[in-house]
Amino acid sequence: AGGSRSVFGPPVPYGIATHDDRRGGLPVNTEVSLR
């Protein structure tokens, strides 16, 4: 936003599930907007 450049995009885990299906967790790498 505002023309700022993000140096890194969302992290991509290597060999790690993005969420725990058994426990129903909010996935790793979930986008959150911060002001």
PDB file of all heavy atoms in Angstrom:
ATOM      1  N   ALA A   1       0.843  -1.189   0.000  1.00  0.00           N
ATOM      2  CA  ALA A   1       0.000   0.000   0.000  1.00  0.00           C
ATOM      3  C   ALA A   1       0.876   1.236   0.000  1.00  0.00           C
ATOM      4  O   ALA A   1       1.945   1.258   0.583  1.00  0.00           O
ATOM      5  CB  ALA A   1      -0.904  -0.019   1.223  1.00  0.00           C
ATOM      6  N   GLY A   2       0.434   2.282  -0.642  1.00  0.00           N
ATOM      7  CA  GLY A   2       1.159   3.543  -0.619  1.00  0.00           C
ATOM      8  C   GLY A   2       2.449   3.513  -1.420  1.00  0.00           C
ATOM      9  O   GLY A   2       3.306   4.348  -1.226  1.00  0.00           O
ATOM     10  N   GLY A   3       2.643   2.521  -2.294  1.00  0.00           N
ATOM     11  CA  GLY A   3       3.830   2.488  -3.122  1.00  0.00           C
ATOM     12  C   GLY A   3       5.022   1.836  -2.456  1.00  0.00           C
ATOM     13  O   GLY A   3       6.068   1.707  -3.062  1.00  0.00           O
ATOM     14  N   SER A   4       4.927   1.431  -1.208  1.00  0.00           N
ATOM     15  CA  SER A   4       6.029   0.773  -0.527  1.00  0.00           C
ATOM     16  C   SER A   4       6.227  -0.606  -1.119  1.00  0.00           C
ATOM     17  O   SER A   4       5.283  -1.262  -1.507  1.00  0.00           O
ATOM     18  CB  SER A   4       5.728   0.632   0.963  1.00  0.00           C
ATOM     19  OG  SER A   4       5.548   1.889   1.526  1.00  0.00           O
ATOM     20  N   ARG A   5       7.468  -1.026  -1.186  1.00  0.00           N
ATOM     21  CA  ARG A   5       7.779  -2.340  -1.724  1.00  0.00           C
ATOM     22  C   ARG A   5       7.968  -3.323  -0.593  1.00  0.00           C
ATOM     23  O   ARG A   5       8.688  -3.058   0.352  1.00  0.00           O
ATOM     24  CB  ARG A   5       9.075  -2.279  -2.522  1.00  0.00           C
ATOM     25  CG  ARG A   5       8.875  -2.190  -3.969  1.00  0.00           C
ATOM     26  CD  ARG A   5      10.146  -2.202  -4.780  1.00  0.00           C
ATOM     27  NE  ARG A   5      11.382  -2.137  -4.038  1.00  0.00           N
ATOM     28  CZ  ARG A   5      12.278  -3.121  -4.002  1.00  0.00           C
ATOM     29  NH1 ARG A   5      12.069  -4.235  -4.635  1.00  0.00           N
ATOM     30  NH2 ARG A   5      13.385  -2.973  -3.338  1.00  0.00           N
ATOM     31  N   SER A   6       7.332  -4.459  -0.704  1.00  0.00           N
ATOM     32  CA  SER A   6       7.573  -5.540   0.234  1.00  0.00           C
ATOM     33  C   SER A   6       8.816  -6.263  -0.243  1.00  0.00           C
ATOM     34  O   SER A   6       8.895  -6.681  -1.388  1.00  0.00           O
ATOM     35  CB  SER A   6       6.387  -6.510   0.267  1.00  0.00           C
ATOM     36  OG  SER A   6       6.702  -7.618   1.062  1.00  0.00           O
ATOM     37  N   VAL A   7       9.805  -6.376   0.611  1.00  0.00           N
ATOM     38  CA  VAL A   7      11.041  -7.024   0.237  1.00  0.00           C
ATOM     39  C   VAL A   7      10.827  -8.527   0.104  1.00  0.00           C
ATOM     40  O   VAL A   7      11.370  -9.172  -0.755  1.00  0.00           O
ATOM     41  CB  VAL A   7      12.142  -6.717   1.272  1.00  0.00           C
ATOM     42  CG1 VAL A   7      13.425  -7.433   0.924  1.00  0.00           C
ATOM     43  CG2 VAL A   7      12.383  -5.217   1.330  1.00  0.00           C
ATOM     44  N   PHE A   8      10.018  -9.089   0.966  1.00  0.00           N
ATOM     45  CA  PHE A   8       9.707 -10.513   0.914  1.00  0.00           C
ATOM     46  C   PHE A   8       8.209 -10.681   0.817  1.00  0.00           C
ATOM     47  O   PHE A   8       7.471 -10.009   1.510  1.00  0.00           O
ATOM     48  CB  PHE A   8      10.200 -11.231   2.174  1.00  0.00           C
ATOM     49  CG  PHE A   8      11.679 -11.186   2.342  1.00  0.00           C
ATOM     50  CD1 PHE A   8      12.254 -10.305   3.233  1.00  0.00           C
ATOM     51  CD2 PHE A   8      12.491 -12.004   1.586  1.00  0.00           C
ATOM     52  CE1 PHE A   8      13.623 -10.255   3.383  1.00  0.00           C
ATOM     53  CE2 PHE A   8      13.861 -11.957   1.731  1.00  0.00           C
ATOM     54  CZ  PHE A   8      14.438 -11.076   2.628  1.00  0.00           C
ATOM     55  N   GLY A   9       7.778 -11.601  -0.010  1.00  0.00           N
ATOM     56  CA  GLY A   9       6.365 -11.961  -0.074  1.00  0.00           C
ATOM     57  C   GLY A   9       6.054 -12.828   1.122  1.00  0.00           C
ATOM     58  O   GLY A   9       6.863 -12.958   2.030  1.00  0.00           O
ATOM     59  N   PRO A  10       4.887 -13.464   1.119  1.00  0.00           N
ATOM     60  CA  PRO A  10       4.573 -14.333   2.250  1.00  0.00           C
ATOM     61  C   PRO A  10       5.574 -15.473   2.308  1.00  0.00           C
ATOM     62  O   PRO A  10       5.999 -15.975   1.280  1.00  0.00           O
ATOM     63  CB  PRO A  10       3.167 -14.848   1.938  1.00  0.00           C
ATOM     64  CG  PRO A  10       2.995 -14.642   0.486  1.00  0.00           C
ATOM     65  CD  PRO A  10       3.858 -13.475   0.102  1.00  0.00           C
ATOM     66  N   PRO A  11       6.012 -15.847   3.509  1.00  0.00           N
ATOM     67  CA  PRO A  11       6.970 -16.928   3.609  1.00  0.00           C
ATOM     68  C   PRO A  11       6.369 -18.243   3.114  1.00  0.00           C
ATOM     69  O   PRO A  11       5.195 -18.491   3.303  1.00  0.00           O
ATOM     70  CB  PRO A  11       7.275 -17.009   5.104  1.00  0.00           C
ATOM     71  CG  PRO A  11       6.423 -16.030   5.774  1.00  0.00           C
ATOM     72  CD  PRO A  11       5.620 -15.293   4.764  1.00  0.00           C
ATOM     73  N   VAL A  12       7.163 -19.027   2.472  1.00  0.00           N
ATOM     74  CA  VAL A  12       6.725 -20.329   2.005  1.00  0.00           C
ATOM     75  C   VAL A  12       7.507 -21.379   2.778  1.00  0.00           C
ATOM     76  O   VAL A  12       8.723 -21.467   2.655  1.00  0.00           O
ATOM     77  CB  VAL A  12       6.975 -20.490   0.489  1.00  0.00           C
ATOM     78  CG1 VAL A  12       6.594 -21.880   0.026  1.00  0.00           C
ATOM     79  CG2 VAL A  12       6.213 -19.435  -0.277  1.00  0.00           C
ATOM     80  N   PRO A  13       6.825 -22.166   3.627  1.00  0.00           N
ATOM     81  CA  PRO A  13       7.549 -23.155   4.421  1.00  0.00           C
ATOM     82  C   PRO A  13       8.032 -24.314   3.561  1.00  0.00           C
ATOM     83  O   PRO A  13       7.391 -24.668   2.579  1.00  0.00           O
ATOM     84  CB  PRO A  13       6.517 -23.622   5.444  1.00  0.00           C
ATOM     85  CG  PRO A  13       5.202 -23.252   4.877  1.00  0.00           C
ATOM     86  CD  PRO A  13       5.414 -22.126   3.907  1.00  0.00           C
ATOM     87  N   TYR A  14       9.157 -24.872   3.925  1.00  0.00           N
ATOM     88  CA  TYR A  14       9.723 -26.012   3.231  1.00  0.00           C
ATOM     89  C   TYR A  14       9.432 -27.266   4.031  1.00  0.00           C
ATOM     90  O   TYR A  14       9.943 -27.444   5.119  1.00  0.00           O
ATOM     91  CB  TYR A  14      11.223 -25.833   3.042  1.00  0.00           C
ATOM     92  CG  TYR A  14      11.532 -24.673   2.143  1.00  0.00           C
ATOM     93  CD1 TYR A  14      11.807 -23.419   2.678  1.00  0.00           C
ATOM     94  CD2 TYR A  14      11.503 -24.815   0.770  1.00  0.00           C
ATOM     95  CE1 TYR A  14      12.069 -22.350   1.845  1.00  0.00           C
ATOM     96  CE2 TYR A  14      11.759 -23.750  -0.062  1.00  0.00           C
ATOM     97  CZ  TYR A  14      12.048 -22.518   0.479  1.00  0.00           C
ATOM     98  OH  TYR A  14      12.297 -21.467  -0.342  1.00  0.00           O
ATOM     99  N   GLY A  15       8.595 -28.147   3.499  1.00  0.00           N
ATOM    100  CA  GLY A  15       8.283 -29.397   4.167  1.00  0.00           C
ATOM    101  C   GLY A  15       7.407 -29.237   5.394  1.00  0.00           C
ATOM    102  O   GLY A  15       7.309 -30.140   6.207  1.00  0.00           O
ATOM    103  N   ILE A  16       6.758 -28.096   5.558  1.00  0.00           N
ATOM    104  CA  ILE A  16       5.896 -27.862   6.716  1.00  0.00           C
ATOM    105  C   ILE A  16       4.491 -27.601   6.191  1.00  0.00           C
ATOM    106  O   ILE A  16       4.308 -26.794   5.288  1.00  0.00           O
ATOM    107  CB  ILE A  16       6.369 -26.638   7.537  1.00  0.00           C
ATOM    108  CG1 ILE A  16       7.789 -26.872   8.043  1.00  0.00           C
ATOM    109  CG2 ILE A  16       5.425 -26.339   8.688  1.00  0.00           C
ATOM    110  CD1 ILE A  16       8.403 -25.648   8.680  1.00  0.00           C
ATOM    111  N   ALA A  17       3.510 -28.274   6.748  1.00  0.00           N
ATOM    112  CA  ALA A  17       2.120 -28.043   6.338  1.00  0.00           C
ATOM    113  C   ALA A  17       1.741 -26.615   6.685  1.00  0.00           C
ATOM    114  O   ALA A  17       2.178 -26.081   7.699  1.00  0.00           O
ATOM    115  CB  ALA A  17       1.197 -29.018   7.044  1.00  0.00           C
ATOM    116  N   THR A  18       0.923 -25.981   5.831  1.00  0.00           N
ATOM    117  CA  THR A  18       0.528 -24.604   6.097  1.00  0.00           C
ATOM    118  C   THR A  18      -0.556 -24.504   7.166  1.00  0.00           C
ATOM    119  O   THR A  18      -0.882 -23.429   7.605  1.00  0.00           O
ATOM    120  CB  THR A  18       0.042 -23.901   4.812  1.00  0.00           C
ATOM    121  OG1 THR A  18      -1.033 -24.654   4.273  1.00  0.00           O
ATOM    122  CG2 THR A  18       1.161 -23.755   3.823  1.00  0.00           C
ATOM    123  N   HIS A  19      -1.117 -25.613   7.576  1.00  0.00           N
ATOM    124  CA  HIS A  19      -2.034 -25.613   8.708  1.00  0.00           C
ATOM    125  C   HIS A  19      -2.164 -27.036   9.237  1.00  0.00           C
ATOM    126  O   HIS A  19      -1.721 -27.986   8.604  1.00  0.00           O
ATOM    127  CB  HIS A  19      -3.405 -25.046   8.326  1.00  0.00           C
ATOM    128  CG  HIS A  19      -4.161 -25.879   7.350  1.00  0.00           C
ATOM    129  ND1 HIS A  19      -3.853 -25.900   6.013  1.00  0.00           N
ATOM    130  CD2 HIS A  19      -5.194 -26.724   7.523  1.00  0.00           C
ATOM    131  CE1 HIS A  19      -4.676 -26.720   5.398  1.00  0.00           C
ATOM    132  NE2 HIS A  19      -5.494 -27.242   6.280  1.00  0.00           N
ATOM    133  N   ASP A  20      -2.729 -27.151  10.397  1.00  0.00           N
ATOM    134  CA  ASP A  20      -2.885 -28.454  11.032  1.00  0.00           C
ATOM    135  C   ASP A  20      -4.339 -28.885  10.868  1.00  0.00           C
ATOM    136  O   ASP A  20      -5.210 -28.429  11.591  1.00  0.00           O
ATOM    137  CB  ASP A  20      -2.498 -28.339  12.509  1.00  0.00           C
ATOM    138  CG  ASP A  20      -2.475 -29.682  13.203  1.00  0.00           C
ATOM    139  OD1 ASP A  20      -3.165 -30.611  12.740  1.00  0.00           O
ATOM    140  OD2 ASP A  20      -1.781 -29.796  14.218  1.00  0.00           O
ATOM    141  N   ASP A  21      -4.610 -29.739   9.879  1.00  0.00           N
ATOM    142  CA  ASP A  21      -5.977 -30.162   9.587  1.00  0.00           C
ATOM    143  C   ASP A  21      -6.639 -30.855  10.771  1.00  0.00           C
ATOM    144  O   ASP A  21      -7.827 -30.727  10.985  1.00  0.00           O
ATOM    145  CB  ASP A  21      -6.003 -31.105   8.381  1.00  0.00           C
ATOM    146  CG  ASP A  21      -5.688 -30.370   7.096  1.00  0.00           C
ATOM    147  OD1 ASP A  21      -6.082 -29.198   6.987  1.00  0.00           O
ATOM    148  OD2 ASP A  21      -5.036 -30.959   6.223  1.00  0.00           O
ATOM    149  N   ARG A  22      -5.871 -31.603  11.559  1.00  0.00           N
ATOM    150  CA  ARG A  22      -6.452 -32.332  12.693  1.00  0.00           C
ATOM    151  C   ARG A  22      -6.968 -31.376  13.753  1.00  0.00           C
ATOM    152  O   ARG A  22      -7.930 -31.656  14.430  1.00  0.00           O
ATOM    153  CB  ARG A  22      -5.411 -33.243  13.348  1.00  0.00           C
ATOM    154  CG  ARG A  22      -4.933 -34.370  12.465  1.00  0.00           C
ATOM    155  CD  ARG A  22      -3.774 -35.041  13.127  1.00  0.00           C
ATOM    156  NE  ARG A  22      -2.816 -33.982  13.418  1.00  0.00           N
ATOM    157  CZ  ARG A  22      -1.766 -34.101  14.196  1.00  0.00           C
ATOM    158  NH1 ARG A  22      -1.504 -35.215  14.785  1.00  0.00           N
ATOM    159  NH2 ARG A  22      -0.945 -33.103  14.395  1.00  0.00           N
ATOM    160  N   ARG A  23      -6.303 -30.253  13.898  1.00  0.00           N
ATOM    161  CA  ARG A  23      -6.676 -29.328  14.968  1.00  0.00           C
ATOM    162  C   ARG A  23      -7.466 -28.131  14.460  1.00  0.00           C
ATOM    163  O   ARG A  23      -7.932 -27.334  15.260  1.00  0.00           O
ATOM    164  CB  ARG A  23      -5.421 -28.835  15.686  1.00  0.00           C
ATOM    165  CG  ARG A  23      -4.683 -29.979  16.351  1.00  0.00           C
ATOM    166  CD  ARG A  23      -3.529 -29.456  17.119  1.00  0.00           C
ATOM    167  NE  ARG A  23      -2.747 -30.555  17.676  1.00  0.00           N
ATOM    168  CZ  ARG A  23      -1.649 -30.395  18.328  1.00  0.00           C
ATOM    169  NH1 ARG A  23      -1.154 -29.191  18.519  1.00  0.00           N
ATOM    170  NH2 ARG A  23      -0.991 -31.426  18.806  1.00  0.00           N
ATOM    171  N   GLY A  24      -7.564 -27.970  13.163  1.00  0.00           N
ATOM    172  CA  GLY A  24      -8.365 -26.880  12.615  1.00  0.00           C
ATOM    173  C   GLY A  24      -7.774 -25.500  12.855  1.00  0.00           C
ATOM    174  O   GLY A  24      -8.492 -24.547  13.063  1.00  0.00           O
ATOM    175  N   GLY A  25      -6.474 -25.397  12.824  1.00  0.00           N
ATOM    176  CA  GLY A  25      -5.823 -24.119  13.105  1.00  0.00           C
ATOM    177  C   GLY A  25      -5.848 -23.158  11.934  1.00  0.00           C
ATOM    178  O   GLY A  25      -5.951 -23.564  10.778  1.00  0.00           O
ATOM    179  N   LEU A  26      -5.774 -21.868  12.232  1.00  0.00           N
ATOM    180  CA  LEU A  26      -5.611 -20.836  11.211  1.00  0.00           C
ATOM    181  C   LEU A  26      -4.258 -21.090  10.551  1.00  0.00           C
ATOM    182  O   LEU A  26      -3.258 -21.237  11.252  1.00  0.00           O
ATOM    183  CB  LEU A  26      -5.644 -19.457  11.871  1.00  0.00           C
ATOM    184  CG  LEU A  26      -5.660 -18.239  10.973  1.00  0.00           C
ATOM    185  CD1 LEU A  26      -6.991 -18.161  10.224  1.00  0.00           C
ATOM    186  CD2 LEU A  26      -5.451 -16.991  11.791  1.00  0.00           C
ATOM    187  N   PRO A  27      -4.195 -21.185   9.238  1.00  0.00           N
ATOM    188  CA  PRO A  27      -2.955 -21.588   8.574  1.00  0.00           C
ATOM    189  C   PRO A  27      -1.782 -20.639   8.811  1.00  0.00           C
ATOM    190  O   PRO A  27      -1.956 -19.434   8.956  1.00  0.00           O
ATOM    191  CB  PRO A  27      -3.324 -21.584   7.091  1.00  0.00           C
ATOM    192  CG  PRO A  27      -4.804 -21.648   7.040  1.00  0.00           C
ATOM    193  CD  PRO A  27      -5.286 -20.983   8.298  1.00  0.00           C
ATOM    194  N   VAL A  28      -0.600 -21.216   8.806  1.00  0.00           N
ATOM    195  CA  VAL A  28       0.634 -20.425   8.749  1.00  0.00           C
ATOM    196  C   VAL A  28       0.554 -19.642   7.445  1.00  0.00           C
ATOM    197  O   VAL A  28      -0.021 -20.117   6.463  1.00  0.00           O
ATOM    198  CB  VAL A  28       1.864 -21.363   8.753  1.00  0.00           C
ATOM    199  CG1 VAL A  28       3.145 -20.587   8.467  1.00  0.00           C
ATOM    200  CG2 VAL A  28       1.973 -22.100  10.072  1.00  0.00           C
ATOM    201  N   ASN A  29       1.101 -18.448   7.394  1.00  0.00           N
ATOM    202  CA  ASN A  29       1.102 -17.565   6.223  1.00  0.00           C
ATOM    203  C   ASN A  29      -0.246 -16.923   5.946  1.00  0.00           C
ATOM    204  O   ASN A  29      -0.485 -16.439   4.847  1.00  0.00           O
ATOM    205  CB  ASN A  29       1.594 -18.278   4.958  1.00  0.00           C
ATOM    206  CG  ASN A  29       3.013 -18.729   5.066  1.00  0.00           C
ATOM    207  OD1 ASN A  29       3.806 -18.114   5.760  1.00  0.00           O
ATOM    208  ND2 ASN A  29       3.338 -19.817   4.403  1.00  0.00           N
ATOM    209  N   THR A  30      -1.138 -16.902   6.935  1.00  0.00           N
ATOM    210  CA  THR A  30      -2.406 -16.197   6.763  1.00  0.00           C
ATOM    211  C   THR A  30      -2.109 -14.702   6.711  1.00  0.00           C
ATOM    212  O   THR A  30      -1.387 -14.165   7.547  1.00  0.00           O
ATOM    213  CB  THR A  30      -3.362 -16.507   7.934  1.00  0.00           C
ATOM    214  OG1 THR A  30      -3.673 -17.897   7.921  1.00  0.00           O
ATOM    215  CG2 THR A  30      -4.648 -15.687   7.829  1.00  0.00           C
ATOM    216  N   GLU A  31      -2.680 -14.028   5.717  1.00  0.00           N
ATOM    217  CA  GLU A  31      -2.464 -12.589   5.548  1.00  0.00           C
ATOM    218  C   GLU A  31      -3.264 -11.810   6.592  1.00  0.00           C
ATOM    219  O   GLU A  31      -4.432 -12.090   6.831  1.00  0.00           O
ATOM    220  CB  GLU A  31      -2.897 -12.177   4.147  1.00  0.00           C
ATOM    221  CG  GLU A  31      -2.614 -10.729   3.829  1.00  0.00           C
ATOM    222  CD  GLU A  31      -3.002 -10.394   2.402  1.00  0.00           C
ATOM    223  OE1 GLU A  31      -2.246 -10.763   1.474  1.00  0.00           O
ATOM    224  OE2 GLU A  31      -4.070  -9.774   2.234  1.00  0.00           O
ATOM    225  N   VAL A  32      -2.598 -10.819   7.214  1.00  0.00           N
ATOM    226  CA  VAL A  32      -3.234  -9.947   8.197  1.00  0.00           C
ATOM    227  C   VAL A  32      -2.905  -8.510   7.795  1.00  0.00           C
ATOM    228  O   VAL A  32      -1.737  -8.171   7.577  1.00  0.00           O
ATOM    229  CB  VAL A  32      -2.708 -10.220   9.625  1.00  0.00           C
ATOM    230  CG1 VAL A  32      -3.393  -9.322  10.640  1.00  0.00           C
ATOM    231  CG2 VAL A  32      -2.875 -11.683  10.006  1.00  0.00           C
ATOM    232  N   SER A  33      -3.918  -7.656   7.677  1.00  0.00           N
ATOM    233  CA  SER A  33      -3.698  -6.244   7.341  1.00  0.00           C
ATOM    234  C   SER A  33      -3.450  -5.458   8.626  1.00  0.00           C
ATOM    235  O   SER A  33      -4.241  -5.534   9.565  1.00  0.00           O
ATOM    236  CB  SER A  33      -4.909  -5.665   6.616  1.00  0.00           C
ATOM    237  OG  SER A  33      -5.062  -6.297   5.368  1.00  0.00           O
ATOM    238  N   LEU A  34      -2.355  -4.695   8.627  1.00  0.00           N
ATOM    239  CA  LEU A  34      -1.973  -3.887   9.788  1.00  0.00           C
ATOM    240  C   LEU A  34      -1.855  -2.429   9.376  1.00  0.00           C
ATOM    241  O   LEU A  34      -1.266  -2.115   8.337  1.00  0.00           O
ATOM    242  CB  LEU A  34      -0.627  -4.363  10.354  1.00  0.00           C
ATOM    243  CG  LEU A  34      -0.548  -5.825  10.799  1.00  0.00           C
ATOM    244  CD1 LEU A  34       0.880  -6.172  11.191  1.00  0.00           C
ATOM    245  CD2 LEU A  34      -1.492  -6.079  11.953  1.00  0.00           C
ATOM    246  N   ARG A  35      -2.398  -1.532  10.199  1.00  0.00           N
ATOM    247  CA  ARG A  35      -2.346  -0.091   9.943  1.00  0.00           C
ATOM    248  C   ARG A  35      -1.298   0.537  10.861  1.00  0.00           C
ATOM    249  O   ARG A  35      -1.287   0.282  12.071  1.00  0.00           O
ATOM    250  CB  ARG A  35      -3.705   0.544  10.203  1.00  0.00           C
ATOM    251  CG  ARG A  35      -3.706   2.063   9.979  1.00  0.00           C
ATOM    252  CD  ARG A  35      -5.078   2.680  10.141  1.00  0.00           C
ATOM    253  NE  ARG A  35      -5.930   2.228   9.052  1.00  0.00           N
ATOM    254  CZ  ARG A  35      -7.033   1.497   9.215  1.00  0.00           C
ATOM    255  NH1 ARG A  35      -7.438   1.142  10.402  1.00  0.00           N
ATOM    256  NH2 ARG A  35      -7.742   1.121   8.173  1.00  0.00           N
TER     257      ARG A  35
END
